[in-house]
């Protein structure tokens, strides 16, 4: 009787975990799809902002291990490969920016001491995009499908203003002490500032 109960509880636990992973994956896939196309447009870096609009410059980066670094990693993994996706969705309009990345080798330690989380050899992916959207409150989603990581939040943009929205990677810890890109992404840190009036 106890064995059956244990097997039942184990099956429920595994099922819940698998369902949770599928839900995250499905959610990321849904956010990558465009339901409308009238929310924002990629803006020309020159020229005045039209009345009733705001400009938003988005920058993000992440460093991953090189392709084949972990022998047991799935062949479908995009770590170290071309076409690494960054997803932006604002009020249902989505865009997927795919980046090829570049191999990077930098010192493991900072000049003034301490370990650099991105130190070592890996592939760095970066985006810097500028969009124009109507002033007002918008629901913003930004995600990295390859990492199953995202941020979603509401933000109010004032008319005729420029904003910078930056996403910085926070990597998982190694031995509960040092954060390293080789351990994978823990979460995305968000910072938004107004840059012009």
C-alpha atoms as a PDB file:
ATOM      1  CA  UNK A   1       0.000   0.000   0.000  1.00  0.00           C
ATOM      2  CA  UNK A   2       2.811   2.395   0.909  1.00  0.00           C
ATOM      3  CA  UNK A   3       4.636   1.582  -2.352  1.00  0.00           C
ATOM      4  CA  UNK A   4       1.557   2.437  -4.383  1.00  0.00           C
ATOM      5  CA  UNK A   5       1.107   5.677  -2.474  1.00  0.00           C
ATOM      6  CA  UNK A   6       4.775   6.591  -3.009  1.00  0.00           C
ATOM      7  CA  UNK A   7       4.553   5.747  -6.734  1.00  0.00           C
ATOM      8  CA  UNK A   8       1.373   7.833  -7.046  1.00  0.00           C
ATOM      9  CA  UNK A   9       2.944  10.850  -5.309  1.00  0.00           C
ATOM     10  CA  UNK A  10       6.094  10.509  -7.413  1.00  0.00           C
ATOM     11  CA  UNK A  11       4.035  10.426 -10.622  1.00  0.00           C
ATOM     12  CA  UNK A  12       2.112  13.541  -9.565  1.00  0.00           C
ATOM     13  CA  UNK A  13       5.346  15.390  -8.732  1.00  0.00           C
ATOM     14  CA  UNK A  14       7.004  14.495 -12.033  1.00  0.00           C
ATOM     15  CA  UNK A  15       3.835  15.350 -13.957  1.00  0.00           C
ATOM     16  CA  UNK A  16       3.583  18.731 -12.244  1.00  0.00           C
ATOM     17  CA  UNK A  17       7.202  19.570 -13.015  1.00  0.00           C
ATOM     18  CA  UNK A  18       6.853  18.542 -16.667  1.00  0.00           C
ATOM     19  CA  UNK A  19       3.582  20.445 -17.035  1.00  0.00           C
ATOM     20  CA  UNK A  20       5.244  23.538 -15.562  1.00  0.00           C
ATOM     21  CA  UNK A  21       8.090  23.352 -18.086  1.00  0.00           C
ATOM     22  CA  UNK A  22       5.667  22.926 -20.960  1.00  0.00           C
ATOM     23  CA  UNK A  23       3.632  25.879 -19.730  1.00  0.00           C
ATOM     24  CA  UNK A  24       6.721  28.126 -19.738  1.00  0.00           C
ATOM     25  CA  UNK A  25       7.713  26.933 -23.200  1.00  0.00           C
ATOM     26  CA  UNK A  26       4.182  27.424 -24.555  1.00  0.00           C
ATOM     27  CA  UNK A  27       4.008  30.865 -22.944  1.00  0.00           C
ATOM     28  CA  UNK A  28       7.303  31.901 -24.577  1.00  0.00           C
ATOM     29  CA  UNK A  29       6.100  30.577 -27.944  1.00  0.00           C
ATOM     30  CA  UNK A  30       2.835  32.504 -27.641  1.00  0.00           C
ATOM     31  CA  UNK A  31       4.673  35.723 -26.775  1.00  0.00           C
ATOM     32  CA  UNK A  32       6.828  35.282 -29.901  1.00  0.00           C
ATOM     33  CA  UNK A  33       3.723  35.441 -32.096  1.00  0.00           C
ATOM     34  CA  UNK A  34       2.310  38.761 -33.338  1.00  0.00           C
ATOM     35  CA  UNK A  35      -1.377  39.361 -32.691  1.00  0.00           C
ATOM     36  CA  UNK A  36      -1.271  42.950 -34.032  1.00  0.00           C
ATOM     37  CA  UNK A  37       1.136  45.283 -35.827  1.00  0.00           C
ATOM     38  CA  UNK A  38       0.049  48.801 -34.844  1.00  0.00           C
ATOM     39  CA  UNK A  39       1.785  49.188 -31.462  1.00  0.00           C
ATOM     40  CA  UNK A  40       5.387  50.057 -32.354  1.00  0.00           C
ATOM     41  CA  UNK A  41       7.773  50.465 -35.242  1.00  0.00           C
ATOM     42  CA  UNK A  42      11.540  50.354 -35.414  1.00  0.00           C
ATOM     43  CA  UNK A  43      12.529  54.016 -35.429  1.00  0.00           C
ATOM     44  CA  UNK A  44      15.094  55.919 -37.428  1.00  0.00           C
ATOM     45  CA  UNK A  45      17.768  57.140 -35.014  1.00  0.00           C
ATOM     46  CA  UNK A  46      17.559  60.618 -36.573  1.00  0.00           C
ATOM     47  CA  UNK A  47      14.702  63.091 -36.520  1.00  0.00           C
ATOM     48  CA  UNK A  48      12.333  64.538 -33.949  1.00  0.00           C
ATOM     49  CA  UNK A  49       9.793  62.428 -32.096  1.00  0.00           C
ATOM     50  CA  UNK A  50       6.274  63.110 -33.434  1.00  0.00           C
ATOM     51  CA  UNK A  51       3.685  64.502 -31.019  1.00  0.00           C
ATOM     52  CA  UNK A  52       1.973  61.773 -29.033  1.00  0.00           C
ATOM     53  CA  UNK A  53       4.875  59.328 -29.337  1.00  0.00           C
ATOM     54  CA  UNK A  54       7.937  58.220 -27.382  1.00  0.00           C
ATOM     55  CA  UNK A  55      11.180  56.524 -28.379  1.00  0.00           C
ATOM     56  CA  UNK A  56      12.503  53.450 -26.591  1.00  0.00           C
ATOM     57  CA  UNK A  57      16.036  52.129 -27.023  1.00  0.00           C
ATOM     58  CA  UNK A  58      16.351  48.496 -25.964  1.00  0.00           C
ATOM     59  CA  UNK A  59      19.683  46.851 -25.228  1.00  0.00           C
ATOM     60  CA  UNK A  60      20.416  43.381 -23.945  1.00  0.00           C
ATOM     61  CA  UNK A  61      23.231  40.879 -23.890  1.00  0.00           C
ATOM     62  CA  UNK A  62      24.063  37.394 -22.746  1.00  0.00           C
ATOM     63  CA  UNK A  63      27.152  35.216 -22.925  1.00  0.00           C
ATOM     64  CA  UNK A  64      26.913  31.456 -23.421  1.00  0.00           C
ATOM     65  CA  UNK A  65      29.381  28.631 -23.723  1.00  0.00           C
ATOM     66  CA  UNK A  66      30.678  27.741 -27.161  1.00  0.00           C
ATOM     67  CA  UNK A  67      28.993  25.102 -29.301  1.00  0.00           C
ATOM     68  CA  UNK A  68      29.910  21.601 -28.148  1.00  0.00           C
ATOM     69  CA  UNK A  69      31.339  22.732 -24.787  1.00  0.00           C
ATOM     70  CA  UNK A  70      28.989  20.355 -22.953  1.00  0.00           C
ATOM     71  CA  UNK A  71      29.040  16.977 -24.793  1.00  0.00           C
ATOM     72  CA  UNK A  72      25.604  15.916 -23.494  1.00  0.00           C
ATOM     73  CA  UNK A  73      23.815  19.141 -24.440  1.00  0.00           C
ATOM     74  CA  UNK A  74      20.961  18.750 -26.923  1.00  0.00           C
ATOM     75  CA  UNK A  75      21.803  19.329 -30.582  1.00  0.00           C
ATOM     76  CA  UNK A  76      18.794  21.655 -30.704  1.00  0.00           C
ATOM     77  CA  UNK A  77      20.410  24.031 -28.202  1.00  0.00           C
ATOM     78  CA  UNK A  78      21.320  27.429 -29.659  1.00  0.00           C
ATOM     79  CA  UNK A  79      24.164  28.042 -27.201  1.00  0.00           C
ATOM     80  CA  UNK A  80      27.221  29.091 -29.183  1.00  0.00           C
ATOM     81  CA  UNK A  81      25.350  28.958 -32.497  1.00  0.00           C
ATOM     82  CA  UNK A  82      24.040  31.503 -34.971  1.00  0.00           C
ATOM     83  CA  UNK A  83      20.491  32.830 -34.726  1.00  0.00           C
ATOM     84  CA  UNK A  84      20.176  33.231 -30.942  1.00  0.00           C
ATOM     85  CA  UNK A  85      16.698  34.785 -30.363  1.00  0.00           C
ATOM     86  CA  UNK A  86      15.646  37.809 -28.301  1.00  0.00           C
ATOM     87  CA  UNK A  87      11.860  38.337 -28.091  1.00  0.00           C
ATOM     88  CA  UNK A  88      10.034  41.631 -27.573  1.00  0.00           C
ATOM     89  CA  UNK A  89       6.258  41.797 -27.252  1.00  0.00           C
ATOM     90  CA  UNK A  90       4.417  45.019 -26.486  1.00  0.00           C
ATOM     91  CA  UNK A  91       0.624  44.854 -26.156  1.00  0.00           C
ATOM     92  CA  UNK A  92       0.480  41.843 -28.468  1.00  0.00           C
ATOM     93  CA  UNK A  93       2.864  43.020 -31.187  1.00  0.00           C
ATOM     94  CA  UNK A  94       5.930  40.794 -31.229  1.00  0.00           C
ATOM     95  CA  UNK A  95       9.306  40.777 -32.887  1.00  0.00           C
ATOM     96  CA  UNK A  96      12.049  38.152 -32.690  1.00  0.00           C
ATOM     97  CA  UNK A  97      15.559  39.497 -33.192  1.00  0.00           C
ATOM     98  CA  UNK A  98      18.041  36.740 -34.072  1.00  0.00           C
ATOM     99  CA  UNK A  99      21.700  37.407 -33.389  1.00  0.00           C
ATOM    100  CA  UNK A 100      24.729  35.460 -34.593  1.00  0.00           C
ATOM    101  CA  UNK A 101      26.983  36.446 -31.688  1.00  0.00           C
ATOM    102  CA  UNK A 102      30.753  36.547 -31.583  1.00  0.00           C
ATOM    103  CA  UNK A 103      33.331  34.452 -29.802  1.00  0.00           C
ATOM    104  CA  UNK A 104      34.865  36.354 -26.913  1.00  0.00           C
ATOM    105  CA  UNK A 105      37.735  35.625 -24.561  1.00  0.00           C
ATOM    106  CA  UNK A 106      38.234  38.033 -21.663  1.00  0.00           C
ATOM    107  CA  UNK A 107      40.139  37.784 -18.372  1.00  0.00           C
ATOM    108  CA  UNK A 108      38.508  35.727 -15.626  1.00  0.00           C
ATOM    109  CA  UNK A 109      39.340  38.364 -12.992  1.00  0.00           C
ATOM    110  CA  UNK A 110      38.727  42.124 -12.958  1.00  0.00           C
ATOM    111  CA  UNK A 111      41.781  44.392 -12.819  1.00  0.00           C
ATOM    112  CA  UNK A 112      40.830  45.589  -9.320  1.00  0.00           C
ATOM    113  CA  UNK A 113      40.120  42.081  -8.043  1.00  0.00           C
ATOM    114  CA  UNK A 114      37.105  39.809  -7.981  1.00  0.00           C
ATOM    115  CA  UNK A 115      35.911  37.320 -10.552  1.00  0.00           C
ATOM    116  CA  UNK A 116      34.287  38.500 -13.774  1.00  0.00           C
ATOM    117  CA  UNK A 117      31.007  36.545 -14.362  1.00  0.00           C
ATOM    118  CA  UNK A 118      31.660  36.716 -18.122  1.00  0.00           C
ATOM    119  CA  UNK A 119      35.375  35.921 -17.863  1.00  0.00           C
ATOM    120  CA  UNK A 120      36.711  33.156 -20.093  1.00  0.00           C
ATOM    121  CA  UNK A 121      35.897  31.997 -23.616  1.00  0.00           C
ATOM    122  CA  UNK A 122      32.305  31.967 -24.790  1.00  0.00           C
ATOM    123  CA  UNK A 123      29.911  33.482 -27.320  1.00  0.00           C
ATOM    124  CA  UNK A 124      28.496  36.964 -26.644  1.00  0.00           C
ATOM    125  CA  UNK A 125      25.090  37.899 -28.050  1.00  0.00           C
ATOM    126  CA  UNK A 126      24.003  41.539 -27.993  1.00  0.00           C
ATOM    127  CA  UNK A 127      21.151  43.641 -29.350  1.00  0.00           C
ATOM    128  CA  UNK A 128      20.558  47.363 -29.453  1.00  0.00           C
ATOM    129  CA  UNK A 129      17.286  48.389 -31.071  1.00  0.00           C
ATOM    130  CA  UNK A 130      15.240  51.560 -31.154  1.00  0.00           C
ATOM    131  CA  UNK A 131      11.473  51.570 -31.449  1.00  0.00           C
ATOM    132  CA  UNK A 132       8.789  54.273 -31.527  1.00  0.00           C
ATOM    133  CA  UNK A 133       5.423  53.816 -29.850  1.00  0.00           C
ATOM    134  CA  UNK A 134       2.429  55.863 -28.750  1.00  0.00           C
ATOM    135  CA  UNK A 135       2.759  57.589 -25.393  1.00  0.00           C
ATOM    136  CA  UNK A 136       0.824  55.943 -22.545  1.00  0.00           C
ATOM    137  CA  UNK A 137       0.898  52.730 -20.561  1.00  0.00           C
ATOM    138  CA  UNK A 138       2.004  49.549 -22.294  1.00  0.00           C
ATOM    139  CA  UNK A 139       2.534  45.910 -21.306  1.00  0.00           C
ATOM    140  CA  UNK A 140       6.123  44.978 -22.163  1.00  0.00           C
ATOM    141  CA  UNK A 141       7.451  41.435 -22.441  1.00  0.00           C
ATOM    142  CA  UNK A 142      11.113  40.686 -23.105  1.00  0.00           C
ATOM    143  CA  UNK A 143      12.404  37.143 -23.188  1.00  0.00           C
ATOM    144  CA  UNK A 144      15.172  34.741 -24.072  1.00  0.00           C
ATOM    145  CA  UNK A 145      13.401  31.555 -25.240  1.00  0.00           C
ATOM    146  CA  UNK A 146      16.650  29.562 -25.278  1.00  0.00           C
ATOM    147  CA  UNK A 147      17.019  30.196 -21.535  1.00  0.00           C
ATOM    148  CA  UNK A 148      13.289  30.010 -20.650  1.00  0.00           C
ATOM    149  CA  UNK A 149      13.775  33.418 -19.048  1.00  0.00           C
ATOM    150  CA  UNK A 150      11.711  36.580 -19.414  1.00  0.00           C
ATOM    151  CA  UNK A 151      10.551  39.811 -17.792  1.00  0.00           C
ATOM    152  CA  UNK A 152       7.017  41.176 -18.148  1.00  0.00           C
ATOM    153  CA  UNK A 153       5.865  44.497 -16.737  1.00  0.00           C
ATOM    154  CA  UNK A 154       3.728  47.586 -17.325  1.00  0.00           C
ATOM    155  CA  UNK A 155       5.430  50.884 -18.098  1.00  0.00           C
ATOM    156  CA  UNK A 156       4.162  54.394 -18.805  1.00  0.00           C
ATOM    157  CA  UNK A 157       5.851  56.370 -21.569  1.00  0.00           C
ATOM    158  CA  UNK A 158       5.478  60.148 -21.603  1.00  0.00           C
ATOM    159  CA  UNK A 159       4.897  62.041 -24.812  1.00  0.00           C
ATOM    160  CA  UNK A 160       7.935  63.326 -26.738  1.00  0.00           C
ATOM    161  CA  UNK A 161      10.408  61.547 -24.438  1.00  0.00           C
ATOM    162  CA  UNK A 162      13.247  59.064 -25.006  1.00  0.00           C
ATOM    163  CA  UNK A 163      13.830  56.035 -22.809  1.00  0.00           C
ATOM    164  CA  UNK A 164      16.581  53.457 -22.463  1.00  0.00           C
ATOM    165  CA  UNK A 165      15.573  49.959 -21.376  1.00  0.00           C
ATOM    166  CA  UNK A 166      18.475  47.678 -20.512  1.00  0.00           C
ATOM    167  CA  UNK A 167      18.453  43.981 -19.669  1.00  0.00           C
ATOM    168  CA  UNK A 168      21.546  42.581 -17.962  1.00  0.00           C
ATOM    169  CA  UNK A 169      22.149  38.857 -17.413  1.00  0.00           C
ATOM    170  CA  UNK A 170      22.596  37.542 -13.884  1.00  0.00           C
ATOM    171  CA  UNK A 171      24.251  34.145 -14.099  1.00  0.00           C
ATOM    172  CA  UNK A 172      23.826  31.159 -11.804  1.00  0.00           C
ATOM    173  CA  UNK A 173      26.262  30.681  -8.982  1.00  0.00           C
ATOM    174  CA  UNK A 174      29.071  28.155  -8.918  1.00  0.00           C
ATOM    175  CA  UNK A 175      29.462  26.457  -5.545  1.00  0.00           C
ATOM    176  CA  UNK A 176      26.948  28.985  -4.143  1.00  0.00           C
ATOM    177  CA  UNK A 177      29.550  31.743  -4.329  1.00  0.00           C
ATOM    178  CA  UNK A 178      30.682  32.859  -7.788  1.00  0.00           C
ATOM    179  CA  UNK A 179      28.350  33.684 -10.674  1.00  0.00           C
ATOM    180  CA  UNK A 180      29.633  32.413 -14.048  1.00  0.00           C
ATOM    181  CA  UNK A 181      28.150  32.461 -17.534  1.00  0.00           C
ATOM    182  CA  UNK A 182      29.132  28.790 -17.949  1.00  0.00           C
ATOM    183  CA  UNK A 183      26.527  27.928 -15.290  1.00  0.00           C
ATOM    184  CA  UNK A 184      23.690  29.423 -17.338  1.00  0.00           C
ATOM    185  CA  UNK A 185      21.329  32.350 -16.829  1.00  0.00           C
ATOM    186  CA  UNK A 186      19.645  32.830 -13.453  1.00  0.00           C
ATOM    187  CA  UNK A 187      17.520  35.863 -14.357  1.00  0.00           C
ATOM    188  CA  UNK A 188      17.420  39.094 -16.368  1.00  0.00           C
ATOM    189  CA  UNK A 189      17.917  42.339 -14.495  1.00  0.00           C
ATOM    190  CA  UNK A 190      15.942  45.300 -15.887  1.00  0.00           C
ATOM    191  CA  UNK A 191      16.846  48.991 -15.738  1.00  0.00           C
ATOM    192  CA  UNK A 192      14.912  51.800 -17.429  1.00  0.00           C
ATOM    193  CA  UNK A 193      15.850  55.456 -17.548  1.00  0.00           C
ATOM    194  CA  UNK A 194      14.605  58.546 -19.311  1.00  0.00           C
ATOM    195  CA  UNK A 195      17.365  59.788 -21.605  1.00  0.00           C
ATOM    196  CA  UNK A 196      15.992  62.958 -23.214  1.00  0.00           C
ATOM    197  CA  UNK A 197      13.196  65.512 -23.117  1.00  0.00           C
END
